[in-house]
């Protein structure tokens, strides 16, 4: 008797540039599409955040 081993599918990530709000004083940042305020404050140090961009890894959809 033998068992068929299932194939392990490794996730594939692609880099994507997204618009973010980032804190100029600490490491805080958040994606713009997830904010509810027009001028958000940093959740860590409560300073005003500035606009910027970041490259993040996004899971590729294999449909």
N, C-alpha and C. Protein backbone atom coordinates (compact mmCIF):
# COMPACT_ATOMS: atom_id res chain seq x y z
N UNK A 1 0.84 -1.17 0.00
CA UNK A 1 0.00 0.00 0.00
C UNK A 1 0.90 1.24 0.00
N UNK A 2 0.55 2.18 -0.83
CA UNK A 2 1.32 3.42 -0.87
C UNK A 2 0.36 4.61 -0.91
N UNK A 3 0.86 5.75 -0.54
CA UNK A 3 0.05 6.96 -0.49
C UNK A 3 0.57 7.97 -1.50
N UNK A 4 -0.33 8.64 -2.15
CA UNK A 4 0.06 9.71 -3.06
C UNK A 4 0.33 10.96 -2.24
N UNK A 5 1.49 11.50 -2.43
CA UNK A 5 1.83 12.71 -1.71
C UNK A 5 1.28 13.92 -2.47
N UNK A 6 0.60 14.80 -1.75
CA UNK A 6 0.03 15.97 -2.40
C UNK A 6 1.14 16.96 -2.74
N UNK A 7 0.96 17.58 -3.87
CA UNK A 7 1.94 18.56 -4.32
C UNK A 7 1.77 19.85 -3.51
N UNK A 8 2.87 20.36 -3.00
CA UNK A 8 2.82 21.58 -2.22
C UNK A 8 2.98 22.75 -3.18
N UNK A 9 1.99 23.63 -3.18
CA UNK A 9 2.03 24.79 -4.06
C UNK A 9 2.55 25.97 -3.25
N UNK A 10 3.69 26.49 -3.67
CA UNK A 10 4.26 27.63 -2.97
C UNK A 10 3.61 28.91 -3.47
N UNK A 11 3.32 29.83 -2.56
CA UNK A 11 2.71 31.09 -2.99
C UNK A 11 3.68 31.93 -3.81
N UNK A 12 3.13 32.64 -4.78
CA UNK A 12 3.93 33.50 -5.64
C UNK A 12 3.57 34.95 -5.33
N UNK A 13 4.58 35.74 -5.01
CA UNK A 13 4.37 37.15 -4.68
C UNK A 13 4.94 38.03 -5.79
N UNK A 14 4.25 39.14 -6.05
CA UNK A 14 4.73 40.13 -7.00
C UNK A 14 4.82 41.47 -6.27
N UNK A 15 5.76 42.31 -6.67
CA UNK A 15 5.88 43.62 -6.05
C UNK A 15 4.94 44.60 -6.72
N UNK A 16 4.28 45.40 -5.89
CA UNK A 16 3.33 46.37 -6.39
C UNK A 16 3.57 47.69 -5.67
N UNK A 17 3.53 48.80 -6.40
CA UNK A 17 3.69 50.11 -5.81
C UNK A 17 2.32 50.64 -5.40
N UNK A 18 2.20 51.04 -4.13
CA UNK A 18 0.92 51.53 -3.61
C UNK A 18 1.11 52.91 -3.00
N UNK A 19 0.03 53.70 -3.00
CA UNK A 19 0.04 55.01 -2.35
C UNK A 19 -0.19 54.81 -0.86
N UNK A 20 0.59 55.51 -0.04
CA UNK A 20 0.49 55.36 1.41
C UNK A 20 0.53 56.71 2.10
N UNK A 21 0.09 56.71 3.35
CA UNK A 21 0.34 57.79 4.29
C UNK A 21 1.47 57.30 5.17
N UNK A 22 2.52 58.10 5.36
CA UNK A 22 3.63 57.68 6.21
C UNK A 22 3.98 58.78 7.19
N UNK A 23 4.43 58.37 8.35
CA UNK A 23 4.79 59.31 9.40
C UNK A 23 6.23 59.78 9.18
N UNK A 24 6.47 61.09 9.23
CA UNK A 24 7.83 61.59 9.04
C UNK A 24 8.73 61.39 10.25
N UNK A 25 8.14 61.06 11.42
CA UNK A 25 8.93 60.96 12.65
C UNK A 25 9.17 59.54 13.14
N UNK A 26 8.33 58.58 12.73
CA UNK A 26 8.54 57.21 13.20
C UNK A 26 8.31 56.24 12.03
N UNK A 27 8.12 54.97 12.32
CA UNK A 27 7.99 53.96 11.26
C UNK A 27 6.55 53.73 10.83
N UNK A 28 5.60 54.52 11.34
CA UNK A 28 4.19 54.30 11.04
C UNK A 28 3.84 54.60 9.59
N UNK A 29 3.03 53.74 8.98
CA UNK A 29 2.51 53.97 7.63
C UNK A 29 1.25 53.14 7.43
N UNK A 30 0.40 53.58 6.49
CA UNK A 30 -0.81 52.84 6.14
C UNK A 30 -1.17 53.11 4.69
N UNK A 31 -1.82 52.14 4.07
CA UNK A 31 -2.22 52.32 2.68
C UNK A 31 -3.36 53.33 2.61
N UNK A 32 -3.34 54.16 1.58
CA UNK A 32 -4.36 55.19 1.43
C UNK A 32 -5.75 54.60 1.28
N UNK A 33 -5.87 53.45 0.61
CA UNK A 33 -7.18 52.88 0.37
C UNK A 33 -7.85 52.36 1.64
N UNK A 34 -7.11 52.24 2.74
CA UNK A 34 -7.67 51.75 3.99
C UNK A 34 -7.88 52.86 5.03
N UNK A 35 -7.69 54.12 4.66
CA UNK A 35 -7.87 55.21 5.61
C UNK A 35 -9.30 55.74 5.52
N UNK A 36 -9.77 56.28 6.63
CA UNK A 36 -11.11 56.86 6.66
C UNK A 36 -11.06 58.38 6.79
N UNK A 37 -9.88 58.94 7.01
CA UNK A 37 -9.73 60.37 7.18
C UNK A 37 -8.95 60.96 6.00
N UNK A 38 -9.25 62.21 5.66
CA UNK A 38 -8.54 62.88 4.58
C UNK A 38 -7.12 63.26 5.00
N UNK A 39 -6.92 63.54 6.27
CA UNK A 39 -5.61 63.89 6.82
C UNK A 39 -5.38 63.07 8.09
N UNK A 40 -4.94 61.82 7.95
CA UNK A 40 -4.81 60.95 9.12
C UNK A 40 -3.63 61.34 10.01
N UNK A 41 -3.71 60.91 11.25
CA UNK A 41 -2.61 61.08 12.19
C UNK A 41 -2.00 59.71 12.46
N UNK A 42 -0.75 59.71 12.84
CA UNK A 42 -0.02 58.47 13.11
C UNK A 42 -0.60 57.79 14.35
N UNK A 43 -0.91 56.49 14.26
CA UNK A 43 -1.45 55.79 15.43
C UNK A 43 -0.40 55.56 16.52
N UNK A 44 0.88 55.70 16.19
CA UNK A 44 1.93 55.47 17.17
C UNK A 44 2.33 56.74 17.91
N UNK A 45 2.53 57.84 17.18
CA UNK A 45 3.04 59.06 17.82
C UNK A 45 2.10 60.25 17.65
N UNK A 46 0.97 60.09 17.02
CA UNK A 46 -0.08 61.10 16.80
C UNK A 46 0.37 62.33 16.03
N UNK A 47 1.42 62.23 15.22
CA UNK A 47 1.83 63.32 14.35
C UNK A 47 1.08 63.25 13.03
N UNK A 48 1.06 64.35 12.31
CA UNK A 48 0.40 64.38 11.00
C UNK A 48 1.21 63.52 10.03
N UNK A 49 0.52 62.79 9.18
CA UNK A 49 1.17 61.91 8.21
C UNK A 49 1.26 62.61 6.86
N UNK A 50 2.25 62.21 6.05
CA UNK A 50 2.46 62.79 4.73
C UNK A 50 2.25 61.69 3.68
N UNK A 51 1.95 62.13 2.45
CA UNK A 51 1.73 61.18 1.37
C UNK A 51 3.05 60.62 0.85
N UNK A 52 3.00 59.40 0.35
CA UNK A 52 4.18 58.76 -0.22
C UNK A 52 3.79 57.49 -0.95
N UNK A 53 4.78 56.74 -1.39
CA UNK A 53 4.55 55.45 -2.05
C UNK A 53 5.47 54.41 -1.45
N UNK A 54 5.07 53.16 -1.54
CA UNK A 54 5.88 52.03 -1.07
C UNK A 54 5.70 50.87 -2.02
N UNK A 55 6.71 50.02 -2.07
CA UNK A 55 6.59 48.77 -2.82
C UNK A 55 6.33 47.67 -1.82
N UNK A 56 5.23 46.95 -2.02
CA UNK A 56 4.88 45.86 -1.13
C UNK A 56 4.74 44.58 -1.93
N UNK A 57 4.86 43.45 -1.24
CA UNK A 57 4.66 42.15 -1.88
C UNK A 57 3.19 41.79 -1.79
N UNK A 58 2.61 41.43 -2.94
CA UNK A 58 1.21 41.07 -3.03
C UNK A 58 1.12 39.66 -3.55
N UNK A 59 0.26 38.86 -2.94
CA UNK A 59 0.07 37.49 -3.37
C UNK A 59 -0.59 37.46 -4.74
N UNK A 60 0.02 36.76 -5.68
CA UNK A 60 -0.49 36.68 -7.05
C UNK A 60 -1.68 35.72 -7.08
N UNK A 61 -2.73 36.14 -7.77
CA UNK A 61 -3.92 35.31 -7.89
C UNK A 61 -3.73 34.31 -9.02
N UNK A 62 -3.92 33.05 -8.71
CA UNK A 62 -3.79 32.00 -9.74
C UNK A 62 -5.14 31.37 -9.99
N UNK A 63 -6.02 32.11 -10.60
CA UNK A 63 -7.38 31.60 -10.87
C UNK A 63 -7.48 31.04 -12.26
